[in-house]
Amino acid sequence: MKANLTVTSIENTDQIHITIPQDRLELRLKEYKDLFANLSNWTVPLGIFISLFLNSISATYSDFYFVKKEQIKAFVDVCAFISFCWLVYAVYVSWKMRNEKEISTLIEKIKLKH
């Protein structure tokens, strides 16, 4: 008994050659590296906010020299609010740049004539 064997061959050999000066390539790669750093920048304000928030709701403050406990509590609350605003901004920036991290985006930026 003889088996029928079908072989399908697909060739995809088209290539695009990109010529770019070294300084421009370094600039594009630096931008891409900075982009990756910005994508995870939200973790720092999140940690600060969580620690200040938990401190604010669970700590008991006492007077410290000439500073009243109400002033210390207000300072911690203001710092927590500032870190929350920082967190919102960092999440916004990360969300806005989420599609920029693709390799195809980097290649398109390298191809630009500017």
N, C-alpha and C. Protein backbone atom coordinates (compact mmCIF):
# COMPACT_ATOMS: atom_id res chain seq x y z
N MET A 1 0.84 -1.17 0.00
CA MET A 1 0.00 0.00 0.00
C MET A 1 0.89 1.24 0.00
N LYS A 2 0.60 2.13 -0.88
CA LYS A 2 1.39 3.33 -1.05
C LYS A 2 0.63 4.53 -0.47
N ALA A 3 1.35 5.38 0.34
CA ALA A 3 0.73 6.57 0.93
C ALA A 3 0.98 7.79 0.05
N ASN A 4 -0.02 8.60 -0.07
CA ASN A 4 0.14 9.85 -0.80
C ASN A 4 0.70 10.91 0.15
N LEU A 5 1.78 11.54 -0.23
CA LEU A 5 2.43 12.54 0.59
C LEU A 5 2.40 13.87 -0.16
N THR A 6 1.82 14.88 0.50
CA THR A 6 1.76 16.21 -0.09
C THR A 6 2.65 17.13 0.72
N VAL A 7 3.55 17.83 0.04
CA VAL A 7 4.45 18.77 0.70
C VAL A 7 4.11 20.17 0.20
N THR A 8 3.87 21.05 1.14
CA THR A 8 3.59 22.44 0.81
C THR A 8 4.75 23.28 1.29
N SER A 9 5.27 24.08 0.42
CA SER A 9 6.41 24.93 0.77
C SER A 9 6.00 26.39 0.63
N ILE A 10 6.28 27.15 1.68
CA ILE A 10 5.97 28.58 1.66
C ILE A 10 7.29 29.33 1.82
N GLU A 11 7.55 30.20 0.87
CA GLU A 11 8.77 30.98 0.94
C GLU A 11 8.42 32.43 1.23
N ASN A 12 9.05 32.93 2.24
CA ASN A 12 8.87 34.33 2.60
C ASN A 12 10.25 34.93 2.74
N THR A 13 10.81 35.32 1.65
CA THR A 13 12.20 35.79 1.65
C THR A 13 12.33 37.28 1.37
N ASP A 14 11.21 38.00 1.33
CA ASP A 14 11.29 39.44 1.11
C ASP A 14 11.91 40.11 2.33
N GLN A 15 12.84 41.00 2.08
CA GLN A 15 13.49 41.73 3.16
C GLN A 15 13.50 43.21 2.83
N ILE A 16 13.45 43.99 3.88
CA ILE A 16 13.57 45.44 3.73
C ILE A 16 14.88 45.84 4.38
N HIS A 17 15.68 46.54 3.64
CA HIS A 17 16.98 46.99 4.13
C HIS A 17 16.85 48.44 4.56
N ILE A 18 17.19 48.74 5.81
CA ILE A 18 17.10 50.10 6.33
C ILE A 18 18.51 50.61 6.59
N THR A 19 18.85 51.74 6.02
CA THR A 19 20.15 52.37 6.26
C THR A 19 19.92 53.60 7.11
N ILE A 20 20.66 53.69 8.19
CA ILE A 20 20.46 54.78 9.14
C ILE A 20 21.81 55.15 9.76
N PRO A 21 22.07 56.42 9.98
CA PRO A 21 23.31 56.80 10.65
C PRO A 21 23.32 56.32 12.11
N GLN A 22 24.49 56.07 12.62
CA GLN A 22 24.63 55.51 13.96
C GLN A 22 24.05 56.44 15.02
N ASP A 23 24.29 57.75 14.91
CA ASP A 23 23.79 58.67 15.92
C ASP A 23 22.26 58.70 15.97
N ARG A 24 21.62 58.62 14.81
CA ARG A 24 20.16 58.59 14.79
C ARG A 24 19.62 57.28 15.37
N LEU A 25 20.29 56.17 15.07
CA LEU A 25 19.89 54.89 15.65
C LEU A 25 20.04 54.91 17.16
N GLU A 26 21.14 55.46 17.65
CA GLU A 26 21.34 55.55 19.09
C GLU A 26 20.25 56.40 19.74
N LEU A 27 19.87 57.49 19.08
CA LEU A 27 18.80 58.34 19.60
C LEU A 27 17.48 57.57 19.68
N ARG A 28 17.12 56.86 18.63
CA ARG A 28 15.87 56.10 18.63
C ARG A 28 15.88 54.99 19.69
N LEU A 29 17.01 54.31 19.83
CA LEU A 29 17.10 53.24 20.83
C LEU A 29 17.06 53.81 22.25
N LYS A 30 17.64 54.99 22.45
CA LYS A 30 17.57 55.63 23.77
C LYS A 30 16.13 56.00 24.10
N GLU A 31 15.41 56.54 23.13
CA GLU A 31 13.99 56.87 23.33
C GLU A 31 13.20 55.61 23.69
N TYR A 32 13.50 54.52 23.01
CA TYR A 32 12.80 53.26 23.26
C TYR A 32 13.12 52.72 24.65
N LYS A 33 14.39 52.85 25.06
CA LYS A 33 14.80 52.43 26.40
C LYS A 33 14.10 53.26 27.47
N ASP A 34 14.02 54.59 27.25
CA ASP A 34 13.32 55.46 28.19
C ASP A 34 11.83 55.13 28.25
N LEU A 35 11.27 54.75 27.13
CA LEU A 35 9.87 54.36 27.09
C LEU A 35 9.62 53.15 27.99
N PHE A 36 10.48 52.16 27.90
CA PHE A 36 10.33 50.98 28.74
C PHE A 36 10.47 51.34 30.22
N ALA A 37 11.36 52.26 30.53
CA ALA A 37 11.49 52.69 31.92
C ALA A 37 10.22 53.39 32.39
N ASN A 38 9.61 54.18 31.53
CA ASN A 38 8.39 54.91 31.90
C ASN A 38 7.19 53.99 32.08
N LEU A 39 7.19 52.84 31.44
CA LEU A 39 6.04 51.94 31.55
C LEU A 39 5.87 51.36 32.94
N SER A 40 6.94 51.28 33.71
CA SER A 40 6.82 50.71 35.06
C SER A 40 7.04 51.76 36.14
N ASN A 41 6.99 53.03 35.79
CA ASN A 41 7.19 54.09 36.78
C ASN A 41 6.05 54.22 37.78
N TRP A 42 4.94 53.59 37.55
CA TRP A 42 3.80 53.70 38.46
C TRP A 42 3.99 52.89 39.74
N THR A 43 4.96 51.99 39.77
CA THR A 43 5.11 51.14 40.96
C THR A 43 5.65 51.92 42.16
N VAL A 44 6.51 52.89 41.93
CA VAL A 44 7.06 53.68 43.04
C VAL A 44 5.98 54.51 43.72
N PRO A 45 5.20 55.32 42.99
CA PRO A 45 4.16 56.08 43.71
C PRO A 45 3.08 55.18 44.33
N LEU A 46 2.87 54.00 43.75
CA LEU A 46 1.91 53.08 44.36
C LEU A 46 2.40 52.62 45.73
N GLY A 47 3.66 52.25 45.81
CA GLY A 47 4.22 51.82 47.10
C GLY A 47 4.21 52.92 48.14
N ILE A 48 4.55 54.13 47.72
CA ILE A 48 4.54 55.27 48.65
C ILE A 48 3.12 55.57 49.10
N PHE A 49 2.19 55.56 48.16
CA PHE A 49 0.80 55.84 48.53
C PHE A 49 0.25 54.80 49.49
N ILE A 50 0.50 53.53 49.22
CA ILE A 50 -0.01 52.48 50.11
C ILE A 50 0.56 52.63 51.51
N SER A 51 1.87 52.88 51.61
CA SER A 51 2.46 53.01 52.94
C SER A 51 1.93 54.25 53.68
N LEU A 52 1.80 55.37 52.99
CA LEU A 52 1.26 56.57 53.65
C LEU A 52 -0.21 56.41 54.00
N PHE A 53 -0.97 55.78 53.13
CA PHE A 53 -2.39 55.56 53.41
C PHE A 53 -2.58 54.66 54.62
N LEU A 54 -1.84 53.55 54.66
CA LEU A 54 -1.96 52.65 55.80
C LEU A 54 -1.47 53.32 57.09
N ASN A 55 -0.44 54.13 56.98
CA ASN A 55 0.04 54.88 58.14
C ASN A 55 -1.03 55.85 58.61
N SER A 56 -1.69 56.51 57.68
CA SER A 56 -2.69 57.51 58.02
C SER A 56 -3.90 56.90 58.73
N ILE A 57 -4.32 55.71 58.31
CA ILE A 57 -5.53 55.14 58.90
C ILE A 57 -5.26 54.29 60.15
N SER A 58 -4.01 53.91 60.36
CA SER A 58 -3.76 53.00 61.48
C SER A 58 -2.86 53.56 62.57
N ALA A 59 -2.15 54.63 62.32
CA ALA A 59 -1.20 55.15 63.31
C ALA A 59 -1.88 56.07 64.31
N THR A 60 -1.33 56.09 65.51
CA THR A 60 -1.75 57.07 66.51
C THR A 60 -0.58 58.02 66.69
N TYR A 61 -0.85 59.28 66.48
CA TYR A 61 0.19 60.29 66.53
C TYR A 61 0.23 60.94 67.91
N SER A 62 1.39 61.44 68.25
CA SER A 62 1.53 62.18 69.50
C SER A 62 2.35 63.43 69.23
N ASP A 63 2.25 64.39 70.14
CA ASP A 63 2.98 65.64 69.97
C ASP A 63 4.48 65.36 69.94
N PHE A 64 5.19 66.11 69.09
CA PHE A 64 6.63 65.95 68.97
C PHE A 64 7.25 67.34 69.07
N TYR A 65 7.87 67.62 70.21
CA TYR A 65 8.41 68.94 70.51
C TYR A 65 7.35 70.01 70.28
N PHE A 66 7.53 70.87 69.32
CA PHE A 66 6.60 71.98 69.10
C PHE A 66 5.55 71.65 68.03
N VAL A 67 5.56 70.44 67.49
CA VAL A 67 4.62 70.04 66.45
C VAL A 67 3.47 69.24 67.08
N LYS A 68 2.27 69.71 66.85
CA LYS A 68 1.08 69.03 67.40
C LYS A 68 0.75 67.78 66.58
N LYS A 69 0.08 66.83 67.23
CA LYS A 69 -0.26 65.57 66.55
C LYS A 69 -1.20 65.80 65.37
N GLU A 70 -2.06 66.81 65.44
CA GLU A 70 -2.95 67.12 64.33
C GLU A 70 -2.16 67.59 63.10
N GLN A 71 -1.09 68.34 63.36
CA GLN A 71 -0.25 68.82 62.26
C GLN A 71 0.49 67.66 61.60
N ILE A 72 0.95 66.70 62.39
CA ILE A 72 1.64 65.53 61.85
C ILE A 72 0.67 64.71 61.00
N LYS A 73 -0.53 64.52 61.52
CA LYS A 73 -1.56 63.77 60.78
C LYS A 73 -1.90 64.49 59.47
N ALA A 74 -2.03 65.81 59.51
CA ALA A 74 -2.33 66.57 58.30
C ALA A 74 -1.18 66.47 57.30
N PHE A 75 0.05 66.49 57.77
CA PHE A 75 1.21 66.36 56.89
C PHE A 75 1.22 65.01 56.20
N VAL A 76 0.95 63.94 56.94
CA VAL A 76 0.90 62.60 56.36
C VAL A 76 -0.23 62.51 55.34
N ASP A 77 -1.38 63.10 55.65
CA ASP A 77 -2.51 63.08 54.72
C ASP A 77 -2.20 63.85 53.43
N VAL A 78 -1.55 64.99 53.55
CA VAL A 78 -1.17 65.77 52.37
C VAL A 78 -0.17 64.99 51.52
N CYS A 79 0.80 64.36 52.17
CA CYS A 79 1.78 63.55 51.43
C CYS A 79 1.09 62.37 50.73
N ALA A 80 0.11 61.76 51.39
CA ALA A 80 -0.63 60.66 50.76
C ALA A 80 -1.40 61.16 49.55
N PHE A 81 -2.00 62.35 49.66
CA PHE A 81 -2.74 62.91 48.53
C PHE A 81 -1.80 63.22 47.37
N ILE A 82 -0.63 63.79 47.66
CA ILE A 82 0.34 64.10 46.61
C ILE A 82 0.82 62.81 45.93
N SER A 83 1.09 61.78 46.72
CA SER A 83 1.53 60.52 46.12
C SER A 83 0.41 59.87 45.31
N PHE A 84 -0.85 60.07 45.72
CA PHE A 84 -1.97 59.55 44.94
C PHE A 84 -2.05 60.27 43.59
N CYS A 85 -1.87 61.60 43.60
CA CYS A 85 -1.86 62.36 42.33
C CYS A 85 -0.72 61.90 41.44
N TRP A 86 0.43 61.66 42.03
CA TRP A 86 1.59 61.16 41.28
C TRP A 86 1.28 59.79 40.69
N LEU A 87 0.62 58.94 41.46
CA LEU A 87 0.24 57.60 40.99
C LEU A 87 -0.73 57.70 39.81
N VAL A 88 -1.71 58.57 39.91
CA VAL A 88 -2.67 58.73 38.81
C VAL A 88 -1.95 59.19 37.55
N TYR A 89 -1.04 60.16 37.68
CA TYR A 89 -0.29 60.64 36.52
C TYR A 89 0.58 59.53 35.93
N ALA A 90 1.28 58.77 36.77
CA ALA A 90 2.16 57.70 36.29
C ALA A 90 1.37 56.60 35.58
N VAL A 91 0.20 56.26 36.11
CA VAL A 91 -0.64 55.26 35.46
C VAL A 91 -1.15 55.79 34.12
N TYR A 92 -1.51 57.07 34.07
CA TYR A 92 -1.96 57.68 32.82
C TYR A 92 -0.86 57.62 31.76
N VAL A 93 0.36 57.98 32.13
CA VAL A 93 1.48 57.96 31.18
C VAL A 93 1.74 56.53 30.71
N SER A 94 1.73 55.57 31.63
CA SER A 94 1.95 54.17 31.25
C SER A 94 0.84 53.68 30.33
N TRP A 95 -0.38 54.04 30.62
CA TRP A 95 -1.52 53.61 29.80
C TRP A 95 -1.44 54.22 28.41
N LYS A 96 -1.06 55.49 28.34
CA LYS A 96 -0.97 56.18 27.06
C LYS A 96 0.13 55.59 26.18
N MET A 97 1.19 55.11 26.77
CA MET A 97 2.33 54.59 26.02
C MET A 97 2.33 53.07 25.88
N ARG A 98 1.28 52.42 26.27
CA ARG A 98 1.26 50.95 26.27
C ARG A 98 1.45 50.36 24.88
N ASN A 99 0.97 51.03 23.83
CA ASN A 99 1.09 50.51 22.47
C ASN A 99 2.42 50.86 21.82
N GLU A 100 3.16 51.76 22.44
CA GLU A 100 4.44 52.20 21.88
C GLU A 100 5.56 51.20 22.11
N LYS A 101 5.34 50.19 22.93
CA LYS A 101 6.42 49.27 23.29
C LYS A 101 6.68 48.18 22.26
N GLU A 102 5.88 48.11 21.23
CA GLU A 102 6.03 47.07 20.21
C GLU A 102 7.28 47.31 19.36
N ILE A 103 7.91 46.23 18.93
CA ILE A 103 9.10 46.31 18.08
C ILE A 103 8.74 46.97 16.75
N SER A 104 7.56 46.70 16.23
CA SER A 104 7.15 47.30 14.96
C SER A 104 7.08 48.82 15.08
N THR A 105 6.69 49.33 16.24
CA THR A 105 6.67 50.77 16.45
C THR A 105 8.07 51.34 16.41
N LEU A 106 9.02 50.64 17.03
CA LEU A 106 10.42 51.07 17.00
C LEU A 106 10.93 51.09 15.56
N ILE A 107 10.63 50.07 14.80
CA ILE A 107 11.09 50.01 13.41
C ILE A 107 10.50 51.16 12.60
N GLU A 108 9.22 51.47 12.81
CA GLU A 108 8.60 52.59 12.10
C GLU A 108 9.26 53.91 12.48
N LYS A 109 9.62 54.08 13.74
CA LYS A 109 10.30 55.31 14.15
C LYS A 109 11.69 55.40 13.54
N ILE A 110 12.36 54.27 13.40
CA ILE A 110 13.68 54.26 12.77
C ILE A 110 13.55 54.63 11.30
N LYS A 111 12.50 54.19 10.65
CA LYS A 111 12.30 54.46 9.22
C LYS A 111 12.01 55.93 8.93
N LEU A 112 11.52 56.67 9.91
CA LEU A 112 11.17 58.06 9.67
C LEU A 112 12.37 58.86 9.19
N LYS A 113 12.13 59.79 8.32
CA LYS A 113 13.20 60.59 7.73
C LYS A 113 13.60 61.76 8.63
N HIS A 114 12.86 62.03 9.68
CA HIS A 114 13.15 63.17 10.54
C HIS A 114 14.24 62.84 11.51
